[in-house]
Amino acid sequence: MTATAPVSQPKMSHAQIMQSLTGLLMGMFVSILAGTVVSSSLPVIVSDLDGGQTAFTWVVTATLLATTISTPIWGKLADIGNRKLLLQISLAMFVLASAAAGFSQTTDFLIAMRVIQGLAGGGMGALSQIVMADILSPRERGKYMGLFGAVMALGTVGGPLIGGFITDTINWRWNFFVALPFAVIAILLIQRTLHLPEFAKRKVKIDYLGIMFLSSGVALLLIWMSLGGTQFEWNSSTSFLMAGGSLLLLILFVIVELKATDPLLNLDLFKNRTFTFAVIASLSVGLSMFGTSVFLSQYMIMARGATATQAGLMTFPMMAGLLVVSTAAGALITRYGKWKAFVVTGSVLQVIGLFLLGTIHYDTNFVLVGLYMFILGAGVGLVMQNMVLVVQNSVPVSELGVASSAVNFFRTLGGTAGTAGLGALLAINIPNMLADKQSEIAGAMAQLGDKAAAVSAQLSSGSLPNLSTLPEPIRVIFESVYGDGVAALFAFAAPIALITVVAVCLIPNQQLRTQTAVERQAAGEGEDTDAAPEQAGGQPEAQTADEHDDGRTGA
């Protein structure tokens, strides 16, 4: 069941492309800002709503869960529905949920609204990539990647700074209101500037069973990883039931997809080497991008004595590496049509960056820490967006939405699972490291005199200590422990990142198409699974018929 080809439209000019991208970039900025603006304010928010540590965890985890689960569903809807309308619906959902979250009176209501924000965020993230494939060919997309990198860096770095400033000067509730004008503007811009051809309607059968099994299986898996080691022991009946239940649900999902007439995720896509290895690489990249950024902020706060706002600013070298290097590489990919060398280089830089960050201590020269973050950011920037690019270049137009969202899904899944897993590892390591320093702590406490009782009560409260309030001898010990504890996470993640190196090396070195998805559909492209079949020896064939000669060399 394939949609009828749209009426062929003339190729968009650079000015028309920039006009169409405006709304997409605004929507992407809104999505990122929603996730980062509250990060520096969450302790204040949860405390003001009389929530505990569990509520604090779920305010963050609920959004990640909803985003992860909804991403492939949005991708499937994009293949069978109006992509422009779906993008506007996701933005409208975000606007309403954000406004409601700002009026929260309980943590339960806040968590519920954060779930809806996550559902909308999954749509904005997946659909922006899919729509971009409609208006830009893989070959020319590189020169526009810098714009997306700039928006990502602005939202990631600027969010915590904006949130901290708003909380300190106005009220934390305005963290949820600040993105609303941008979201409304994005909806209006998309309506006015984004012009996509309408596809003929076709009969579809919604894969409700697939949606149910995937959503519940992934949710249970991520809940298990988020709460394991804190709410229950890893080696417990609760842990085994949750892990086993998640595995069973995901197995049922695979069985359903194999039999469904219109599956949520076409498992035949995994016969495509490009798709399979891009998915594997995306899992590892998600761990590097999302997992490490969370713990870099914790390193800045707990080991360097930074405030939440300062911590956001101090992670700027990583975002700078991502932005600068990915922008330059994107321009070169567009000019020369060669992509694989950049992706392989990025995967190696990712491993090197994680390994170097695994050597830091609480007193490491910040210039060195910044250099290590820049290397990691450069590696992630070279790999992350290009995984979507090569998959969109490889799969049939009819599967473009599902394939694009699958890459985003597995990247988010890797980031969420990595954050939960590394957090559990840190929760185990810190008490053990503090136990090893009991003699030093006892000696420092003896120097405090009358202050010792108050400090001891703070340390035994079960909450993260506020290092700025601790006396000097105790504070240095805790900074040392947290510095080494977070560094150990990076050292643990470095060998995992080798998976990315292997995966990207195994991706076929295919030529980049010079046609947009709309042009391919209008040309009546067949259901091929490879963009440019490879000859023996791994070299791509000459340009295929759908790749017109525009004066540029092939890959």
Protein backbone atom coordinates (compact mmCIF):
# COMPACT_ATOMS: atom_id res chain seq x y z
CA MET A 1 0.00 0.00 0.00
CA THR A 2 1.86 3.06 -1.30
CA ALA A 3 0.61 6.64 -1.36
CA THR A 4 -0.12 8.12 -4.75
CA ALA A 5 2.71 10.34 -6.01
CA PRO A 6 2.22 14.04 -5.51
CA VAL A 7 2.12 16.56 -8.31
CA SER A 8 5.67 17.46 -9.25
CA GLN A 9 6.74 20.87 -8.01
CA PRO A 10 9.63 23.07 -9.18
CA LYS A 11 12.81 22.82 -7.15
CA MET A 12 12.85 25.23 -4.22
CA SER A 13 15.28 28.14 -4.28
CA HIS A 14 17.69 28.84 -1.43
CA ALA A 15 15.45 31.70 -0.24
CA GLN A 16 12.38 29.44 -0.23
CA ILE A 17 14.27 26.74 1.67
CA MET A 18 15.45 29.23 4.29
CA GLN A 19 11.90 30.53 4.65
CA SER A 20 10.54 26.99 5.13
CA LEU A 21 13.28 26.10 7.62
CA THR A 22 12.44 29.09 9.83
CA GLY A 23 9.40 27.45 11.37
CA LEU A 24 11.19 24.10 11.74
CA LEU A 25 14.13 25.74 13.51
CA MET A 26 11.79 27.62 15.83
CA GLY A 27 9.93 24.40 16.66
CA MET A 28 13.20 22.60 17.31
CA PHE A 29 14.36 25.40 19.60
CA VAL A 30 11.08 25.20 21.55
CA SER A 31 11.52 21.43 22.00
CA ILE A 32 15.09 21.73 23.30
CA LEU A 33 14.34 24.75 25.48
CA ALA A 34 11.46 22.88 27.15
CA GLY A 35 13.82 20.17 28.31
CA THR A 36 16.71 22.37 29.46
CA VAL A 37 15.12 25.52 30.89
CA VAL A 38 13.88 23.79 34.06
CA SER A 39 17.07 21.82 34.75
CA SER A 40 18.63 24.49 36.96
CA SER A 41 15.31 25.18 38.73
CA LEU A 42 14.05 21.67 39.51
CA PRO A 43 15.25 21.62 43.15
CA VAL A 44 13.34 24.87 43.78
CA ILE A 45 10.25 23.67 41.86
CA VAL A 46 9.98 20.30 43.62
CA SER A 47 10.62 21.85 47.03
CA ASP A 48 7.98 24.53 46.45
CA LEU A 49 5.44 21.83 45.52
CA ASP A 50 6.37 19.77 48.61
CA GLY A 51 7.78 16.90 46.57
CA GLY A 52 10.46 14.42 47.56
CA GLN A 53 13.39 12.78 45.77
CA THR A 54 11.07 10.36 43.94
CA ALA A 55 9.06 13.26 42.51
CA PHE A 56 12.27 15.01 41.51
CA THR A 57 13.37 11.92 39.57
CA TRP A 58 10.04 11.51 37.82
CA VAL A 59 9.76 15.12 36.70
CA VAL A 60 12.83 14.38 34.55
CA THR A 61 12.25 10.71 33.73
CA ALA A 62 8.58 11.09 32.71
CA THR A 63 9.50 13.50 29.90
CA LEU A 64 12.29 11.26 28.61
CA LEU A 65 10.01 8.22 28.70
CA ALA A 66 7.23 9.96 26.78
CA THR A 67 9.64 11.32 24.16
CA THR A 68 11.26 7.93 23.63
CA ILE A 69 7.98 6.04 23.34
CA SER A 70 6.20 8.54 21.08
CA THR A 71 8.99 9.06 18.53
CA PRO A 72 8.33 5.94 16.37
CA ILE A 73 4.56 6.54 16.56
CA TRP A 74 4.97 10.06 15.17
CA GLY A 75 7.23 8.64 12.47
CA LYS A 76 4.58 6.14 11.38
CA LEU A 77 1.92 8.86 11.34
CA ALA A 78 4.21 10.96 9.14
CA ASP A 79 4.25 8.20 6.52
CA ILE A 80 0.46 8.01 6.34
CA GLY A 81 -0.71 11.53 7.22
CA ASN A 82 -0.21 15.26 6.65
CA ARG A 83 3.28 16.02 7.98
CA LYS A 84 2.73 19.77 8.20
CA LEU A 85 -0.46 19.30 10.21
CA LEU A 86 1.19 16.73 12.49
CA LEU A 87 4.04 19.14 13.21
CA GLN A 88 1.56 21.86 14.13
CA ILE A 89 -0.40 19.45 16.33
CA SER A 90 2.74 18.49 18.25
CA LEU A 91 3.57 22.17 18.80
CA ALA A 92 0.00 22.90 19.95
CA MET A 93 0.19 19.99 22.42
CA PHE A 94 3.40 21.45 23.76
CA VAL A 95 1.91 24.93 24.16
CA LEU A 96 -1.08 23.67 26.13
CA ALA A 97 0.97 21.32 28.35
CA SER A 98 3.55 24.03 29.10
CA ALA A 99 0.89 26.54 30.07
CA ALA A 100 -0.79 24.00 32.34
CA ALA A 101 2.55 22.97 33.92
CA GLY A 102 3.20 26.58 34.90
CA PHE A 103 0.04 26.50 37.05
CA SER A 104 0.91 23.22 38.82
CA GLN A 105 -0.04 22.97 42.49
CA THR A 106 1.22 19.40 43.03
CA THR A 107 4.11 17.34 41.70
CA ASP A 108 1.67 14.72 40.37
CA PHE A 109 0.03 17.29 38.08
CA LEU A 110 3.43 18.64 37.03
CA ILE A 111 4.63 15.13 36.12
CA ALA A 112 1.44 14.53 34.09
CA MET A 113 2.00 17.74 32.11
CA ARG A 114 5.66 16.84 31.59
CA VAL A 115 4.48 13.55 30.05
CA ILE A 116 2.41 15.49 27.50
CA GLN A 117 5.38 17.76 26.87
CA GLY A 118 7.45 14.66 26.19
CA LEU A 119 4.86 13.29 23.76
CA ALA A 120 4.89 16.59 21.89
CA GLY A 121 8.69 16.75 21.98
CA GLY A 122 8.91 13.34 20.32
CA GLY A 123 6.76 14.68 17.50
CA MET A 124 8.74 17.87 17.02
CA GLY A 125 12.07 16.03 17.02
CA ALA A 126 11.02 13.30 14.57
CA LEU A 127 8.87 15.39 12.24
CA SER A 128 11.42 18.18 11.79
CA GLN A 129 13.92 15.63 10.44
CA ILE A 130 11.30 14.06 8.15
CA VAL A 131 10.05 17.37 6.75
CA MET A 132 13.65 18.45 6.17
CA ALA A 133 14.07 15.39 3.91
CA ASP A 134 11.02 16.56 1.95
CA ILE A 135 12.60 19.90 1.02
CA LEU A 136 16.35 19.10 1.04
CA SER A 137 18.24 16.35 -0.76
CA PRO A 138 20.82 14.39 1.26
CA ARG A 139 23.60 15.92 -0.83
CA GLU A 140 22.68 19.56 -0.13
CA ARG A 141 21.52 19.08 3.47
CA GLY A 142 25.02 19.43 4.90
CA LYS A 143 25.27 23.16 4.33
CA TYR A 144 22.10 23.68 6.39
CA MET A 145 23.22 21.45 9.28
CA GLY A 146 25.01 24.37 10.90
CA LEU A 147 21.67 26.08 11.47
CA PHE A 148 20.33 23.04 13.32
CA GLY A 149 23.57 22.75 15.29
CA ALA A 150 23.35 26.41 16.28
CA VAL A 151 19.77 25.99 17.49
CA MET A 152 20.74 22.87 19.44
CA ALA A 153 23.68 24.64 21.09
CA LEU A 154 21.59 27.73 21.89
CA GLY A 155 18.79 25.67 23.45
CA THR A 156 21.11 23.33 25.36
CA VAL A 157 23.44 25.97 26.79
CA GLY A 158 20.99 28.86 26.98
CA GLY A 159 18.17 26.89 28.61
CA PRO A 160 19.77 26.44 32.05
CA LEU A 161 21.02 30.03 32.03
CA ILE A 162 17.56 31.40 31.17
CA GLY A 163 15.89 29.10 33.70
CA GLY A 164 18.25 30.05 36.51
CA PHE A 165 17.86 33.76 35.79
CA ILE A 166 14.05 33.56 35.64
CA THR A 167 13.87 31.56 38.88
CA ASP A 168 16.17 33.98 40.69
CA THR A 169 14.53 37.18 39.43
CA ILE A 170 10.84 36.36 38.77
CA ASN A 171 9.38 32.94 39.63
CA TRP A 172 10.03 29.35 38.59
CA ARG A 173 6.56 29.14 36.97
CA TRP A 174 7.76 31.43 34.19
CA ASN A 175 10.18 28.70 33.11
CA PHE A 176 7.14 26.99 31.59
CA PHE A 177 5.75 30.19 30.08
CA VAL A 178 8.95 31.48 28.47
CA ALA A 179 8.79 29.10 25.49
CA LEU A 180 5.11 29.74 24.72
CA PRO A 181 5.62 32.78 22.45
CA PHE A 182 8.25 30.87 20.46
CA ALA A 183 5.91 27.90 20.04
CA VAL A 184 3.01 30.09 18.86
CA ILE A 185 5.32 31.88 16.40
CA ALA A 186 6.59 28.50 15.15
CA ILE A 187 3.01 27.31 14.46
CA LEU A 188 2.25 30.49 12.51
CA LEU A 189 5.53 30.37 10.57
CA ILE A 190 5.00 26.74 9.61
CA GLN A 191 1.48 27.56 8.40
CA ARG A 192 2.71 30.50 6.34
CA THR A 193 6.07 29.34 4.99
CA LEU A 194 6.10 25.52 4.84
CA HIS A 195 4.54 24.28 1.61
CA LEU A 196 4.50 20.51 1.08
CA PRO A 197 2.55 18.65 -1.62
CA GLU A 198 -0.51 16.76 -0.45
CA PHE A 199 -0.36 13.00 -0.85
CA ALA A 200 -3.44 11.11 -1.92
CA LYS A 201 -5.29 9.48 0.97
CA ARG A 202 -4.92 5.74 1.34
CA LYS A 203 -6.53 3.18 3.57
CA VAL A 204 -4.38 2.28 6.55
CA LYS A 205 -4.74 0.00 9.50
CA ILE A 206 -3.40 1.44 12.71
CA ASP A 207 -1.13 -1.01 14.51
CA TYR A 208 -2.67 -0.58 17.96
CA LEU A 209 -1.15 -3.79 19.35
CA GLY A 210 2.30 -2.74 18.18
CA ILE A 211 1.92 0.69 19.79
CA MET A 212 0.75 -0.89 23.06
CA PHE A 213 3.52 -3.51 23.29
CA LEU A 214 6.32 -1.10 22.28
CA SER A 215 5.16 1.65 24.63
CA SER A 216 4.68 -0.60 27.64
CA GLY A 217 7.85 -2.63 26.99
CA VAL A 218 10.13 0.41 26.62
CA ALA A 219 8.44 2.23 29.53
CA LEU A 220 8.92 -0.74 31.86
CA LEU A 221 12.55 -1.13 30.75
CA LEU A 222 13.40 2.53 31.40
CA ILE A 223 11.50 2.61 34.70
CA TRP A 224 13.47 -0.46 35.80
CA MET A 225 16.76 1.21 34.88
CA SER A 226 15.76 4.51 36.49
CA LEU A 227 14.65 3.09 39.84
CA GLY A 228 16.93 0.07 40.14
CA GLY A 229 19.49 0.33 42.92
CA THR A 230 17.57 3.10 44.70
CA GLN A 231 13.89 2.13 45.03
CA PHE A 232 14.69 -1.60 44.98
CA GLU A 233 17.77 -3.82 44.83
CA TRP A 234 19.00 -4.97 41.43
CA ASN A 235 19.09 -8.53 42.76
CA SER A 236 15.44 -8.66 43.90
CA SER A 237 12.15 -10.17 42.80
CA THR A 238 10.87 -6.70 41.81
CA SER A 239 13.88 -6.17 39.57
CA PHE A 240 13.56 -9.59 37.92
CA LEU A 241 9.83 -9.14 37.34
CA MET A 242 10.28 -5.72 35.73
CA ALA A 243 13.19 -6.82 33.52
CA GLY A 244 11.44 -10.05 32.53
CA GLY A 245 8.15 -8.27 31.89
CA SER A 246 9.87 -5.71 29.65
CA LEU A 247 11.61 -8.45 27.67
CA LEU A 248 8.35 -10.35 27.21
CA LEU A 249 6.49 -7.24 26.01
CA LEU A 250 9.22 -6.41 23.49
CA ILE A 251 9.22 -10.00 22.18
CA LEU A 252 5.44 -9.74 21.73
CA PHE A 253 6.00 -6.45 19.87
CA VAL A 254 8.35 -8.20 17.40
CA ILE A 255 5.85 -11.02 16.87
CA VAL A 256 3.03 -8.55 16.23
CA GLU A 257 5.15 -6.51 13.80
CA LEU A 258 6.02 -9.62 11.80
CA LYS A 259 2.31 -10.37 11.28
CA ALA A 260 0.86 -6.85 10.99
CA THR A 261 -0.32 -5.70 7.55
CA ASP A 262 0.76 -2.11 8.25
CA PRO A 263 3.31 -2.39 11.11
CA LEU A 264 4.41 0.45 13.35
CA LEU A 265 8.04 -0.46 12.56
CA ASN A 266 8.68 -2.41 9.39
CA LEU A 267 11.22 -5.01 10.57
CA ASP A 268 12.29 -5.54 6.95
CA LEU A 269 14.20 -2.28 7.36
CA PHE A 270 16.75 -4.23 9.40
CA LYS A 271 17.66 -6.10 6.19
CA ASN A 272 19.14 -2.78 5.07
CA ARG A 273 22.73 -2.67 6.38
CA THR A 274 22.77 1.12 6.48
CA PHE A 275 19.67 1.27 8.68
CA THR A 276 20.80 -1.53 11.01
CA PHE A 277 24.27 -0.17 11.71
CA ALA A 278 22.99 3.42 11.95
CA VAL A 279 20.55 2.27 14.66
CA ILE A 280 23.37 0.54 16.57
CA ALA A 281 25.57 3.64 16.29
CA SER A 282 22.71 5.89 17.42
CA LEU A 283 22.24 3.91 20.63
CA SER A 284 25.86 4.54 21.55
CA VAL A 285 25.77 8.20 20.46
CA GLY A 286 22.72 8.75 22.67
CA LEU A 287 24.70 7.54 25.66
CA SER A 288 27.58 9.90 24.83
CA MET A 289 25.41 12.94 24.11
CA PHE A 290 22.68 12.80 26.74
CA GLY A 291 24.28 10.67 29.44
CA THR A 292 27.56 12.54 29.67
CA SER A 293 25.96 16.01 29.47
CA VAL A 294 23.91 15.23 32.59
CA PHE A 295 26.93 14.12 34.57
CA LEU A 296 29.17 16.89 33.27
CA SER A 297 26.76 19.32 34.95
CA GLN A 298 26.92 17.27 38.14
CA TYR A 299 30.73 17.32 37.96
CA MET A 300 30.70 21.12 37.65
CA ILE A 301 28.36 21.49 40.65
CA MET A 302 29.61 18.77 42.99
CA ALA A 303 33.33 18.76 42.14
CA ARG A 304 34.01 22.34 40.98
CA GLY A 305 31.62 24.23 43.29
CA ALA A 306 29.62 25.82 40.45
CA THR A 307 26.02 26.96 40.71
CA ALA A 308 23.41 25.41 38.38
CA THR A 309 23.59 28.42 36.05
CA GLN A 310 27.40 28.36 36.03
CA ALA A 311 27.35 24.62 35.33
CA GLY A 312 25.30 25.21 32.20
CA LEU A 313 27.76 27.85 31.04
CA MET A 314 30.79 25.66 31.84
CA THR A 315 29.59 22.89 29.51
CA PHE A 316 29.71 25.33 26.59
CA PRO A 317 32.96 23.84 25.14
CA MET A 318 31.12 20.60 24.38
CA MET A 319 28.34 22.44 22.55
CA ALA A 320 30.90 24.62 20.77
CA GLY A 321 32.69 21.51 19.51
CA LEU A 322 29.40 20.05 18.30
CA LEU A 323 28.37 23.26 16.53
CA VAL A 324 31.66 24.32 14.92
CA VAL A 325 32.82 20.93 13.70
CA SER A 326 29.42 19.69 12.49
CA THR A 327 28.86 22.96 10.60
CA ALA A 328 32.22 22.77 8.84
CA ALA A 329 31.78 19.08 8.05
CA GLY A 330 28.27 19.67 6.70
CA ALA A 331 29.54 22.27 4.25
CA LEU A 332 32.30 19.91 3.07
CA ILE A 333 29.83 17.02 2.66
CA THR A 334 27.64 19.20 0.45
CA ARG A 335 30.61 20.39 -1.60
CA TYR A 336 32.36 17.07 -2.19
CA GLY A 337 29.61 14.51 -1.58
CA LYS A 338 31.80 12.46 0.77
CA TRP A 339 30.44 11.65 4.24
CA LYS A 340 31.95 8.46 5.61
CA ALA A 341 35.38 9.82 6.54
CA PHE A 342 33.72 12.49 8.69
CA VAL A 343 31.49 9.97 10.46
CA VAL A 344 34.34 7.53 11.18
CA THR A 345 36.51 10.40 12.44
CA GLY A 346 33.68 11.55 14.69
CA SER A 347 33.23 8.10 16.20
CA VAL A 348 36.94 7.95 17.03
CA LEU A 349 36.89 11.46 18.56
CA GLN A 350 33.92 10.38 20.67
CA VAL A 351 35.95 7.53 22.20
CA ILE A 352 39.00 9.78 22.73
CA GLY A 353 36.87 12.49 24.39
CA LEU A 354 35.25 10.04 26.79
CA PHE A 355 38.59 8.43 27.63
CA LEU A 356 40.17 11.84 28.38
CA LEU A 357 37.20 12.90 30.52
CA GLY A 358 37.71 9.65 32.43
CA THR A 359 41.06 11.03 33.66
CA ILE A 360 39.80 14.28 35.22
CA HIS A 361 39.78 15.10 38.93
CA TYR A 362 38.11 17.82 40.98
CA ASP A 363 41.16 20.07 40.58
CA THR A 364 42.04 19.37 36.93
CA ASN A 365 42.90 22.55 35.04
CA PHE A 366 39.62 23.71 33.51
CA VAL A 367 41.35 24.51 30.21
CA LEU A 368 42.10 20.78 29.89
CA VAL A 369 38.55 19.83 30.91
CA GLY A 370 37.22 22.25 28.30
CA LEU A 371 39.48 20.76 25.62
CA TYR A 372 38.28 17.25 26.44
CA MET A 373 34.65 18.41 26.26
CA PHE A 374 35.31 20.09 22.90
CA ILE A 375 36.74 16.82 21.50
CA LEU A 376 33.72 14.86 22.70
CA GLY A 377 31.31 17.46 21.29
CA ALA A 378 33.11 17.41 17.94
CA GLY A 379 32.83 13.62 17.78
CA VAL A 380 29.14 13.59 18.66
CA GLY A 381 28.43 16.38 16.17
CA LEU A 382 30.05 14.49 13.30
CA VAL A 383 28.09 11.30 13.99
CA MET A 384 24.69 12.27 15.40
CA GLN A 385 22.99 14.19 12.56
CA ASN A 386 24.74 12.22 9.83
CA MET A 387 23.15 8.97 11.03
CA VAL A 388 19.75 10.40 10.09
CA LEU A 389 21.20 11.66 6.81
CA VAL A 390 22.56 8.30 5.62
CA VAL A 391 19.39 6.45 6.65
CA GLN A 392 17.12 8.89 4.81
CA ASN A 393 19.44 8.53 1.82
CA SER A 394 19.14 4.74 1.89
CA VAL A 395 15.51 3.82 2.56
CA PRO A 396 12.48 3.98 0.22
CA VAL A 397 10.39 7.14 0.36
CA SER A 398 7.42 5.18 1.69
CA GLU A 399 9.43 4.25 4.81
CA LEU A 400 11.14 7.62 5.28
CA GLY A 401 9.14 8.65 8.35
CA VAL A 402 9.48 5.32 10.15
CA ALA A 403 13.20 5.02 9.38
CA SER A 404 14.03 8.61 10.41
CA SER A 405 12.07 8.38 13.65
CA ALA A 406 13.63 4.97 14.41
CA VAL A 407 17.11 6.54 14.43
CA ASN A 408 15.87 9.30 16.76
CA PHE A 409 14.06 6.70 18.89
CA PHE A 410 17.14 4.55 19.43
CA ARG A 411 19.33 7.59 20.08
CA THR A 412 16.88 8.83 22.74
CA LEU A 413 16.58 5.31 24.12
CA GLY A 414 20.36 5.07 24.39
CA GLY A 415 20.51 8.44 26.12
CA THR A 416 17.71 7.65 28.56
CA ALA A 417 18.99 4.17 29.39
CA GLY A 418 22.54 5.47 29.61
CA THR A 419 21.58 8.26 31.97
CA ALA A 420 19.66 5.85 34.18
CA GLY A 421 22.39 3.20 34.13
CA LEU A 422 25.27 5.61 34.74
CA GLY A 423 23.24 7.28 37.49
CA ALA A 424 22.72 3.93 39.20
CA LEU A 425 26.45 3.24 38.93
CA LEU A 426 27.26 6.61 40.48
CA ALA A 427 24.75 5.99 43.30
CA ILE A 428 26.62 2.78 44.13
CA ASN A 429 30.15 4.19 43.78
CA ILE A 430 29.81 7.40 45.82
CA PRO A 431 28.93 5.71 49.17
CA ASN A 432 31.74 3.18 48.65
CA MET A 433 34.25 5.95 47.91
CA LEU A 434 33.10 7.93 50.94
CA ALA A 435 33.47 4.81 53.10
CA ASP A 436 37.10 4.54 51.96
CA LYS A 437 37.69 8.10 53.17
CA GLN A 438 36.12 7.70 56.60
CA SER A 439 39.41 8.31 58.35
CA GLU A 440 39.95 11.58 56.45
CA ILE A 441 36.37 12.66 57.14
CA ALA A 442 36.74 11.85 60.84
CA GLY A 443 39.93 13.91 60.99
CA ALA A 444 38.27 16.85 59.23
CA MET A 445 35.23 16.65 61.54
CA ALA A 446 37.50 16.80 64.57
CA GLN A 447 38.77 20.17 63.37
CA LEU A 448 35.25 21.66 63.25
CA GLY A 449 34.58 21.74 66.99
CA ASP A 450 30.99 22.87 67.74
CA LYS A 451 30.06 22.88 64.01
CA ALA A 452 30.65 19.13 63.71
CA ALA A 453 27.15 18.11 64.86
CA ALA A 454 25.36 20.34 62.31
CA VAL A 455 27.61 19.16 59.47
CA SER A 456 27.14 15.53 60.47
CA ALA A 457 23.34 15.97 60.44
CA GLN A 458 23.48 17.47 56.95
CA LEU A 459 25.65 14.64 55.61
CA SER A 460 23.43 11.93 57.10
CA SER A 461 20.15 13.42 55.75
CA GLY A 462 20.20 11.24 52.62
CA SER A 463 20.05 14.26 50.31
CA LEU A 464 22.79 15.55 48.04
CA PRO A 465 24.94 17.88 50.17
CA ASN A 466 25.09 21.57 49.32
CA LEU A 467 28.85 21.86 49.03
CA SER A 468 28.86 25.65 49.25
CA THR A 469 27.62 25.39 52.87
CA LEU A 470 30.20 22.81 53.99
CA PRO A 471 33.36 23.87 55.84
CA GLU A 472 36.58 23.79 53.82
CA PRO A 473 38.15 20.48 55.02
CA ILE A 474 34.92 18.51 54.50
CA ARG A 475 34.07 20.23 51.21
CA VAL A 476 37.42 19.33 49.62
CA ILE A 477 36.90 15.64 50.48
CA PHE A 478 33.44 15.58 48.89
CA GLU A 479 34.64 17.48 45.82
CA SER A 480 37.40 14.92 45.40
CA VAL A 481 34.99 11.99 45.73
CA TYR A 482 32.46 13.39 43.27
CA GLY A 483 35.18 14.42 40.83
CA ASP A 484 36.61 10.90 40.74
CA GLY A 485 33.14 9.31 40.80
CA VAL A 486 31.88 11.19 37.74
CA ALA A 487 35.19 10.64 35.91
CA ALA A 488 34.75 6.90 36.46
CA LEU A 489 31.46 7.09 34.53
CA PHE A 490 33.23 8.55 31.51
CA ALA A 491 35.91 5.87 31.72
CA PHE A 492 33.13 3.26 31.82
CA ALA A 493 31.37 4.81 28.80
CA ALA A 494 34.52 5.04 26.64
CA PRO A 495 34.76 1.33 25.70
CA ILE A 496 30.98 1.27 25.06
CA ALA A 497 31.54 4.06 22.53
CA LEU A 498 33.76 1.69 20.53
CA ILE A 499 30.46 0.17 19.34
CA THR A 500 29.90 3.38 17.38
CA VAL A 501 33.29 3.07 15.68
CA VAL A 502 32.59 -0.50 14.56
CA ALA A 503 29.03 0.29 13.46
CA VAL A 504 29.86 3.33 11.32
CA CYS A 505 32.77 1.50 9.68
CA LEU A 506 30.31 -1.21 8.58
CA ILE A 507 27.81 1.24 7.04
CA PRO A 508 28.00 1.00 3.22
CA ASN A 509 29.66 4.02 1.62
CA GLN A 510 26.71 4.99 -0.57
CA GLN A 511 26.40 8.04 -2.78
CA LEU A 512 24.26 10.89 -1.49
CA ARG A 513 21.15 11.54 -3.54
CA THR A 514 20.60 14.91 -5.19
CA GLN A 515 16.80 14.65 -5.10
CA THR A 516 14.52 15.57 -2.23
CA ALA A 517 11.99 13.05 -0.92
CA VAL A 518 9.20 14.91 -2.71
CA GLU A 519 11.09 14.76 -6.02
CA ARG A 520 11.78 11.05 -5.54
CA GLN A 521 8.10 10.38 -4.84
CA ALA A 522 7.00 12.48 -7.82
CA ALA A 523 9.40 10.53 -10.03
CA GLY A 524 7.65 7.32 -8.97
CA GLU A 525 10.69 5.82 -7.26
CA GLY A 526 10.49 2.06 -6.72
CA GLU A 527 10.66 0.32 -3.37
CA ASP A 528 14.41 -0.15 -3.49
CA THR A 529 16.24 -0.47 -0.23
CA ASP A 530 19.60 0.99 -1.19
CA ALA A 531 20.32 4.42 -2.58
CA ALA A 532 23.31 3.40 -4.67
CA PRO A 533 24.26 -0.29 -4.86
CA GLU A 534 27.88 -0.97 -4.13
CA GLN A 535 30.33 -2.72 -6.36
CA ALA A 536 32.83 -5.22 -5.09
CA GLY A 537 35.51 -3.55 -3.08
CA GLY A 538 33.07 -1.19 -1.37
CA GLN A 539 33.13 1.57 -4.01
CA PRO A 540 29.79 3.01 -5.09
CA GLU A 541 28.64 2.84 -8.66
CA ALA A 542 28.33 5.88 -10.87
CA GLN A 543 25.45 8.23 -10.25
CA THR A 544 22.09 6.59 -10.64
CA ALA A 545 19.43 7.93 -12.96
CA ASP A 546 17.69 9.86 -10.22
CA GLU A 547 20.85 11.76 -9.36
CA HIS A 548 21.12 14.47 -12.00
CA ASP A 549 24.49 15.93 -12.94
CA ASP A 550 24.79 19.22 -11.09
CA GLY A 551 28.50 19.67 -11.50
CA ARG A 552 29.51 17.95 -8.26
CA THR A 553 31.49 14.77 -7.86
CA GLY A 554 29.98 11.65 -6.31
CA ALA A 555 31.00 10.01 -3.06
